[in-house]
Amino acid sequence: MRGGTNGECSDELQRASALYNPQLLHMLQGLNRKFGENVFIAAITGEMHTNFITNPAAYGFTTSKVACCGQGPYNGLGLCTTLSNLCPNRNLYAFWDPFHPSEKANKLIVNQIMSGSIRYMNPMNLSTILALDASKS
């Protein structure tokens, strides 16, 4: 799934992400310093994904290695089509297809974006920046 073997993520894509995300965070921090306030926030979604990939049961998933909808081993080939294998309960799968999080996984990600710690949102979550913005009005 996701370009790897045995239902694992692609090592090459993981390395690319590991290089990109810290650079993005550094760039946004520089822009915030330039503007003298926190205008830009980073959603560190890779960290969010890693959590439910490495410990799916902690988030109510039975698997993060098999997609709910797809073809081939682990439903990891192609996108979801009418010819795809379809899981019986999409809430038990971390991924909808080989690339996209399931609806339940997306809800977890959105919850972190809205109210997560700086581990997931930097320099603050969306609820905090919206409250700060509202207080300026």
N, C-alpha and C. Protein backbone atom coordinates (compact mmCIF):
# COMPACT_ATOMS: atom_id res chain seq x y z
N MET A 1 0.84 -1.18 0.00
CA MET A 1 0.00 0.00 0.00
C MET A 1 0.89 1.23 0.00
N ARG A 2 0.45 2.29 -0.62
CA ARG A 2 1.16 3.55 -0.65
C ARG A 2 2.57 3.39 -1.20
N GLY A 3 2.75 2.44 -2.14
CA GLY A 3 4.02 2.29 -2.82
C GLY A 3 5.04 1.42 -2.12
N GLY A 4 4.74 0.92 -0.95
CA GLY A 4 5.68 0.09 -0.23
C GLY A 4 5.37 -1.39 -0.45
N THR A 5 5.96 -2.22 0.41
CA THR A 5 5.70 -3.65 0.35
C THR A 5 5.09 -4.09 1.67
N ASN A 6 4.40 -5.22 1.65
CA ASN A 6 3.78 -5.77 2.85
C ASN A 6 2.86 -4.79 3.55
N GLY A 7 2.20 -3.93 2.79
CA GLY A 7 1.27 -2.98 3.38
C GLY A 7 1.92 -1.78 4.02
N GLU A 8 3.21 -1.63 3.88
CA GLU A 8 3.95 -0.52 4.48
C GLU A 8 3.99 0.68 3.53
N CYS A 9 4.30 1.83 4.07
CA CYS A 9 4.47 3.03 3.26
C CYS A 9 5.77 2.95 2.48
N SER A 10 5.82 3.65 1.39
CA SER A 10 7.02 3.72 0.56
C SER A 10 8.14 4.42 1.31
N ASP A 11 9.30 3.76 1.43
CA ASP A 11 10.45 4.38 2.09
C ASP A 11 10.86 5.66 1.39
N GLU A 12 10.83 5.65 0.06
CA GLU A 12 11.23 6.83 -0.71
C GLU A 12 10.32 8.02 -0.43
N LEU A 13 9.02 7.78 -0.41
CA LEU A 13 8.08 8.86 -0.12
C LEU A 13 8.20 9.34 1.31
N GLN A 14 8.46 8.45 2.23
CA GLN A 14 8.65 8.84 3.63
C GLN A 14 9.89 9.71 3.79
N ARG A 15 10.98 9.37 3.09
CA ARG A 15 12.21 10.19 3.15
C ARG A 15 11.95 11.57 2.57
N ALA A 16 11.22 11.65 1.45
CA ALA A 16 10.91 12.94 0.84
C ALA A 16 10.09 13.80 1.79
N SER A 17 9.11 13.20 2.43
CA SER A 17 8.29 13.92 3.39
C SER A 17 9.12 14.39 4.57
N ALA A 18 10.02 13.54 5.04
CA ALA A 18 10.87 13.90 6.18
C ALA A 18 11.79 15.07 5.86
N LEU A 19 12.14 15.25 4.59
CA LEU A 19 12.95 16.39 4.18
C LEU A 19 12.10 17.65 4.00
N TYR A 20 10.92 17.49 3.44
CA TYR A 20 10.05 18.62 3.09
C TYR A 20 9.45 19.30 4.32
N ASN A 21 8.85 18.51 5.21
CA ASN A 21 8.07 19.09 6.31
C ASN A 21 8.88 20.00 7.23
N PRO A 22 10.09 19.63 7.66
CA PRO A 22 10.87 20.56 8.50
C PRO A 22 11.23 21.86 7.77
N GLN A 23 11.48 21.75 6.47
CA GLN A 23 11.79 22.96 5.70
C GLN A 23 10.57 23.87 5.60
N LEU A 24 9.39 23.29 5.43
CA LEU A 24 8.16 24.08 5.40
C LEU A 24 7.95 24.79 6.73
N LEU A 25 8.12 24.07 7.82
CA LEU A 25 7.96 24.65 9.15
C LEU A 25 8.95 25.79 9.36
N HIS A 26 10.19 25.60 8.96
CA HIS A 26 11.21 26.64 9.09
C HIS A 26 10.83 27.88 8.27
N MET A 27 10.33 27.66 7.05
CA MET A 27 9.93 28.78 6.19
C MET A 27 8.77 29.56 6.82
N LEU A 28 7.78 28.86 7.35
CA LEU A 28 6.63 29.54 7.97
C LEU A 28 7.05 30.31 9.22
N GLN A 29 7.95 29.75 10.00
CA GLN A 29 8.45 30.46 11.18
C GLN A 29 9.18 31.73 10.75
N GLY A 30 9.95 31.66 9.66
CA GLY A 30 10.63 32.85 9.13
C GLY A 30 9.64 33.90 8.66
N LEU A 31 8.58 33.48 8.00
CA LEU A 31 7.56 34.44 7.56
C LEU A 31 6.87 35.09 8.75
N ASN A 32 6.58 34.31 9.78
CA ASN A 32 5.95 34.88 10.98
C ASN A 32 6.87 35.90 11.64
N ARG A 33 8.17 35.62 11.69
CA ARG A 33 9.12 36.59 12.24
C ARG A 33 9.15 37.86 11.38
N LYS A 34 9.11 37.68 10.07
CA LYS A 34 9.14 38.82 9.15
C LYS A 34 7.93 39.74 9.36
N PHE A 35 6.76 39.13 9.55
CA PHE A 35 5.54 39.92 9.75
C PHE A 35 5.35 40.36 11.20
N GLY A 36 6.14 39.81 12.10
CA GLY A 36 6.08 40.20 13.50
C GLY A 36 4.88 39.65 14.25
N GLU A 37 4.21 38.68 13.69
CA GLU A 37 3.10 38.02 14.38
C GLU A 37 2.86 36.67 13.72
N ASN A 38 2.08 35.83 14.41
CA ASN A 38 1.79 34.50 13.88
C ASN A 38 0.65 34.59 12.88
N VAL A 39 1.04 34.70 11.62
CA VAL A 39 0.08 34.77 10.53
C VAL A 39 -0.10 33.40 9.90
N PHE A 40 0.99 32.65 9.83
CA PHE A 40 0.99 31.35 9.18
C PHE A 40 1.12 30.24 10.22
N ILE A 41 0.34 29.18 10.04
CA ILE A 41 0.45 28.02 10.92
C ILE A 41 0.69 26.79 10.06
N ALA A 42 1.42 25.85 10.63
CA ALA A 42 1.72 24.61 9.92
C ALA A 42 0.96 23.46 10.56
N ALA A 43 0.28 22.70 9.72
CA ALA A 43 -0.36 21.46 10.17
C ALA A 43 0.61 20.33 9.86
N ILE A 44 1.11 19.70 10.89
CA ILE A 44 2.13 18.66 10.75
C ILE A 44 1.40 17.32 10.60
N THR A 45 0.76 17.17 9.44
CA THR A 45 -0.10 16.01 9.21
C THR A 45 0.69 14.72 9.09
N GLY A 46 1.94 14.79 8.69
CA GLY A 46 2.75 13.58 8.62
C GLY A 46 2.86 12.90 9.97
N GLU A 47 3.04 13.69 11.01
CA GLU A 47 3.10 13.16 12.38
C GLU A 47 1.75 12.55 12.77
N MET A 48 0.67 13.21 12.36
CA MET A 48 -0.66 12.68 12.66
C MET A 48 -0.86 11.33 12.00
N HIS A 49 -0.49 11.22 10.72
CA HIS A 49 -0.61 9.96 9.99
C HIS A 49 0.23 8.87 10.64
N THR A 50 1.45 9.22 11.00
CA THR A 50 2.36 8.24 11.60
C THR A 50 1.74 7.62 12.84
N ASN A 51 1.05 8.40 13.62
CA ASN A 51 0.44 7.88 14.85
C ASN A 51 -0.56 6.77 14.56
N PHE A 52 -1.47 6.99 13.63
CA PHE A 52 -2.45 5.92 13.41
C PHE A 52 -1.94 4.83 12.48
N ILE A 53 -0.82 5.07 11.80
CA ILE A 53 -0.19 4.01 11.02
C ILE A 53 0.57 3.05 11.94
N THR A 54 1.30 3.61 12.90
CA THR A 54 2.12 2.77 13.77
C THR A 54 1.31 2.13 14.90
N ASN A 55 0.19 2.73 15.28
CA ASN A 55 -0.62 2.17 16.36
C ASN A 55 -2.11 2.32 16.03
N PRO A 56 -2.57 1.61 15.00
CA PRO A 56 -3.95 1.80 14.56
C PRO A 56 -4.99 1.50 15.64
N ALA A 57 -4.73 0.52 16.48
CA ALA A 57 -5.72 0.14 17.51
C ALA A 57 -5.98 1.28 18.49
N ALA A 58 -4.99 2.11 18.75
CA ALA A 58 -5.17 3.24 19.67
C ALA A 58 -6.19 4.24 19.15
N TYR A 59 -6.46 4.20 17.85
CA TYR A 59 -7.41 5.14 17.24
C TYR A 59 -8.67 4.43 16.76
N GLY A 60 -8.83 3.17 17.14
CA GLY A 60 -10.04 2.43 16.79
C GLY A 60 -9.99 1.74 15.44
N PHE A 61 -8.82 1.68 14.82
CA PHE A 61 -8.69 1.00 13.53
C PHE A 61 -8.20 -0.43 13.75
N THR A 62 -8.65 -1.35 12.90
CA THR A 62 -8.12 -2.70 12.96
C THR A 62 -6.85 -2.83 12.15
N THR A 63 -6.67 -1.94 11.17
CA THR A 63 -5.48 -2.01 10.32
C THR A 63 -5.15 -0.66 9.70
N SER A 64 -3.86 -0.48 9.48
CA SER A 64 -3.40 0.66 8.67
C SER A 64 -2.63 0.15 7.47
N LYS A 65 -2.55 -1.17 7.33
CA LYS A 65 -1.79 -1.77 6.23
C LYS A 65 -2.66 -2.15 5.04
N VAL A 66 -3.95 -2.27 5.27
CA VAL A 66 -4.88 -2.64 4.19
C VAL A 66 -5.83 -1.47 3.97
N ALA A 67 -5.98 -1.07 2.73
CA ALA A 67 -6.93 0.00 2.40
C ALA A 67 -8.34 -0.57 2.35
N CYS A 68 -9.31 0.26 2.61
CA CYS A 68 -10.70 -0.18 2.55
C CYS A 68 -11.12 -0.50 1.12
N CYS A 69 -10.62 0.26 0.16
CA CYS A 69 -11.07 0.11 -1.22
C CYS A 69 -9.86 0.15 -2.16
N GLY A 70 -9.71 -0.88 -2.95
CA GLY A 70 -8.60 -0.91 -3.91
C GLY A 70 -8.48 -2.28 -4.55
N GLN A 71 -7.36 -2.50 -5.20
CA GLN A 71 -7.09 -3.76 -5.86
C GLN A 71 -5.73 -4.28 -5.41
N GLY A 72 -5.50 -5.55 -5.69
CA GLY A 72 -4.20 -6.14 -5.44
C GLY A 72 -3.91 -6.37 -3.98
N PRO A 73 -2.64 -6.71 -3.68
CA PRO A 73 -2.27 -6.95 -2.29
C PRO A 73 -2.55 -5.73 -1.42
N TYR A 74 -3.16 -5.96 -0.28
CA TYR A 74 -3.46 -4.91 0.70
C TYR A 74 -4.41 -3.83 0.13
N ASN A 75 -5.09 -4.14 -0.97
CA ASN A 75 -5.89 -3.14 -1.69
C ASN A 75 -5.03 -1.92 -1.99
N GLY A 76 -3.76 -2.17 -2.27
CA GLY A 76 -2.79 -1.10 -2.42
C GLY A 76 -2.46 -0.71 -3.84
N LEU A 77 -3.25 -1.15 -4.80
CA LEU A 77 -3.00 -0.78 -6.19
C LEU A 77 -4.19 -0.02 -6.74
N GLY A 78 -3.92 1.10 -7.36
CA GLY A 78 -4.98 1.87 -7.99
C GLY A 78 -5.90 2.56 -7.00
N LEU A 79 -6.77 3.36 -7.56
CA LEU A 79 -7.76 4.07 -6.76
C LEU A 79 -9.04 3.24 -6.67
N CYS A 80 -9.94 3.67 -5.86
CA CYS A 80 -11.20 2.97 -5.65
C CYS A 80 -12.09 3.12 -6.89
N THR A 81 -12.47 1.99 -7.47
CA THR A 81 -13.37 1.98 -8.62
C THR A 81 -14.46 0.95 -8.38
N THR A 82 -15.37 0.82 -9.33
CA THR A 82 -16.44 -0.18 -9.20
C THR A 82 -15.89 -1.60 -9.26
N LEU A 83 -14.66 -1.79 -9.73
CA LEU A 83 -14.04 -3.11 -9.80
C LEU A 83 -13.21 -3.44 -8.56
N SER A 84 -13.13 -2.51 -7.63
CA SER A 84 -12.27 -2.67 -6.45
C SER A 84 -12.87 -3.61 -5.41
N ASN A 85 -11.99 -4.14 -4.57
CA ASN A 85 -12.42 -4.81 -3.35
C ASN A 85 -12.89 -3.73 -2.40
N LEU A 86 -13.95 -4.00 -1.66
CA LEU A 86 -14.48 -3.02 -0.73
C LEU A 86 -14.61 -3.66 0.65
N CYS A 87 -14.11 -2.98 1.66
CA CYS A 87 -14.16 -3.51 3.02
C CYS A 87 -15.60 -3.45 3.55
N PRO A 88 -15.92 -4.28 4.54
CA PRO A 88 -17.29 -4.29 5.08
C PRO A 88 -17.58 -3.13 6.03
N ASN A 89 -16.53 -2.55 6.66
CA ASN A 89 -16.75 -1.45 7.61
C ASN A 89 -15.61 -0.45 7.49
N ARG A 90 -15.84 0.64 6.79
CA ARG A 90 -14.78 1.62 6.52
C ARG A 90 -14.24 2.29 7.78
N ASN A 91 -14.99 2.29 8.87
CA ASN A 91 -14.52 2.91 10.11
C ASN A 91 -13.39 2.14 10.78
N LEU A 92 -13.14 0.92 10.32
CA LEU A 92 -12.07 0.11 10.91
C LEU A 92 -10.74 0.26 10.16
N TYR A 93 -10.73 1.03 9.09
CA TYR A 93 -9.54 1.17 8.24
C TYR A 93 -8.99 2.59 8.31
N ALA A 94 -7.70 2.70 8.47
CA ALA A 94 -7.06 4.01 8.51
C ALA A 94 -7.03 4.66 7.13
N PHE A 95 -7.01 3.82 6.07
CA PHE A 95 -6.94 4.37 4.71
C PHE A 95 -8.13 3.93 3.88
N TRP A 96 -8.66 4.88 3.11
CA TRP A 96 -9.76 4.58 2.20
C TRP A 96 -9.23 3.84 0.98
N ASP A 97 -8.20 4.39 0.36
CA ASP A 97 -7.54 3.77 -0.78
C ASP A 97 -6.03 3.81 -0.50
N PRO A 98 -5.19 3.43 -1.45
CA PRO A 98 -3.76 3.38 -1.14
C PRO A 98 -3.13 4.71 -0.72
N PHE A 99 -3.80 5.82 -0.94
CA PHE A 99 -3.20 7.12 -0.67
C PHE A 99 -3.96 8.00 0.30
N HIS A 100 -5.26 7.85 0.37
CA HIS A 100 -6.11 8.79 1.11
C HIS A 100 -6.59 8.20 2.43
N PRO A 101 -6.50 9.00 3.50
CA PRO A 101 -7.04 8.55 4.79
C PRO A 101 -8.54 8.30 4.68
N SER A 102 -9.03 7.41 5.51
CA SER A 102 -10.46 7.16 5.57
C SER A 102 -11.17 8.36 6.19
N GLU A 103 -12.49 8.36 6.13
CA GLU A 103 -13.26 9.45 6.72
C GLU A 103 -12.95 9.59 8.21
N LYS A 104 -12.90 8.46 8.91
CA LYS A 104 -12.59 8.49 10.34
C LYS A 104 -11.19 9.06 10.59
N ALA A 105 -10.22 8.65 9.79
CA ALA A 105 -8.85 9.18 9.94
C ALA A 105 -8.83 10.68 9.65
N ASN A 106 -9.56 11.11 8.63
CA ASN A 106 -9.63 12.55 8.33
C ASN A 106 -10.23 13.34 9.49
N LYS A 107 -11.23 12.77 10.16
CA LYS A 107 -11.81 13.44 11.33
C LYS A 107 -10.78 13.59 12.44
N LEU A 108 -9.95 12.57 12.64
CA LEU A 108 -8.88 12.66 13.63
C LEU A 108 -7.90 13.77 13.27
N ILE A 109 -7.57 13.85 11.99
CA ILE A 109 -6.64 14.89 11.53
C ILE A 109 -7.24 16.28 11.73
N VAL A 110 -8.50 16.45 11.37
CA VAL A 110 -9.16 17.75 11.54
C VAL A 110 -9.23 18.12 13.02
N ASN A 111 -9.49 17.17 13.89
CA ASN A 111 -9.51 17.46 15.33
C ASN A 111 -8.15 17.98 15.79
N GLN A 112 -7.08 17.40 15.30
CA GLN A 112 -5.75 17.89 15.65
C GLN A 112 -5.50 19.28 15.09
N ILE A 113 -5.94 19.54 13.87
CA ILE A 113 -5.78 20.86 13.27
C ILE A 113 -6.54 21.90 14.10
N MET A 114 -7.73 21.55 14.53
CA MET A 114 -8.54 22.50 15.29
C MET A 114 -8.04 22.71 16.71
N SER A 115 -7.63 21.62 17.39
CA SER A 115 -7.33 21.77 18.81
C SER A 115 -6.07 21.03 19.28
N GLY A 116 -5.25 20.57 18.35
CA GLY A 116 -4.06 19.81 18.71
C GLY A 116 -2.95 20.66 19.31
N SER A 117 -2.00 19.98 19.91
CA SER A 117 -0.85 20.64 20.53
C SER A 117 0.16 21.07 19.46
N ILE A 118 1.22 21.75 19.90
CA ILE A 118 2.23 22.20 18.93
C ILE A 118 2.99 21.02 18.33
N ARG A 119 2.80 19.84 18.86
CA ARG A 119 3.37 18.65 18.22
C ARG A 119 2.76 18.47 16.83
N TYR A 120 1.51 18.88 16.68
CA TYR A 120 0.80 18.72 15.41
C TYR A 120 0.53 20.04 14.70
N MET A 121 0.51 21.13 15.43
CA MET A 121 0.19 22.44 14.87
C MET A 121 1.22 23.45 15.38
N ASN A 122 1.82 24.18 14.48
CA ASN A 122 2.86 25.10 14.91
C ASN A 122 2.69 26.45 14.22
N PRO A 123 2.66 27.55 14.92
CA PRO A 123 2.94 27.70 16.34
C PRO A 123 1.72 27.49 17.24
N MET A 124 0.55 27.27 16.67
CA MET A 124 -0.66 27.07 17.47
C MET A 124 -1.70 26.39 16.60
N ASN A 125 -2.75 25.87 17.23
CA ASN A 125 -3.81 25.23 16.47
C ASN A 125 -4.77 26.26 15.89
N LEU A 126 -5.64 25.81 15.02
CA LEU A 126 -6.54 26.72 14.31
C LEU A 126 -7.53 27.40 15.25
N SER A 127 -8.03 26.69 16.24
CA SER A 127 -8.97 27.32 17.20
C SER A 127 -8.31 28.48 17.92
N THR A 128 -7.06 28.31 18.31
CA THR A 128 -6.35 29.37 19.02
C THR A 128 -6.13 30.59 18.14
N ILE A 129 -5.67 30.38 16.91
CA ILE A 129 -5.42 31.53 16.04
C ILE A 129 -6.73 32.22 15.66
N LEU A 130 -7.82 31.46 15.52
CA LEU A 130 -9.12 32.09 15.23
C LEU A 130 -9.59 32.92 16.42
N ALA A 131 -9.38 32.42 17.63
CA ALA A 131 -9.77 33.18 18.83
C ALA A 131 -8.94 34.44 18.95
N LEU A 132 -7.64 34.36 18.66
CA LEU A 132 -6.79 35.54 18.71
C LEU A 132 -7.22 36.55 17.67
N ASP A 133 -7.54 36.08 16.48
CA ASP A 133 -7.97 36.97 15.41
C ASP A 133 -9.30 37.65 15.78
N ALA A 134 -10.22 36.91 16.39
CA ALA A 134 -11.50 37.47 16.80
C ALA A 134 -11.33 38.52 17.88
N SER A 135 -10.36 38.33 18.76
CA SER A 135 -10.15 39.29 19.84
C SER A 135 -9.56 40.60 19.34
N LYS A 136 -8.96 40.60 18.14
CA LYS A 136 -8.40 41.81 17.55
C LYS A 136 -9.47 42.68 16.91
N SER A 137 -10.62 42.10 16.65
CA SER A 137 -11.69 42.83 15.94
C SER A 137 -12.40 43.81 16.85
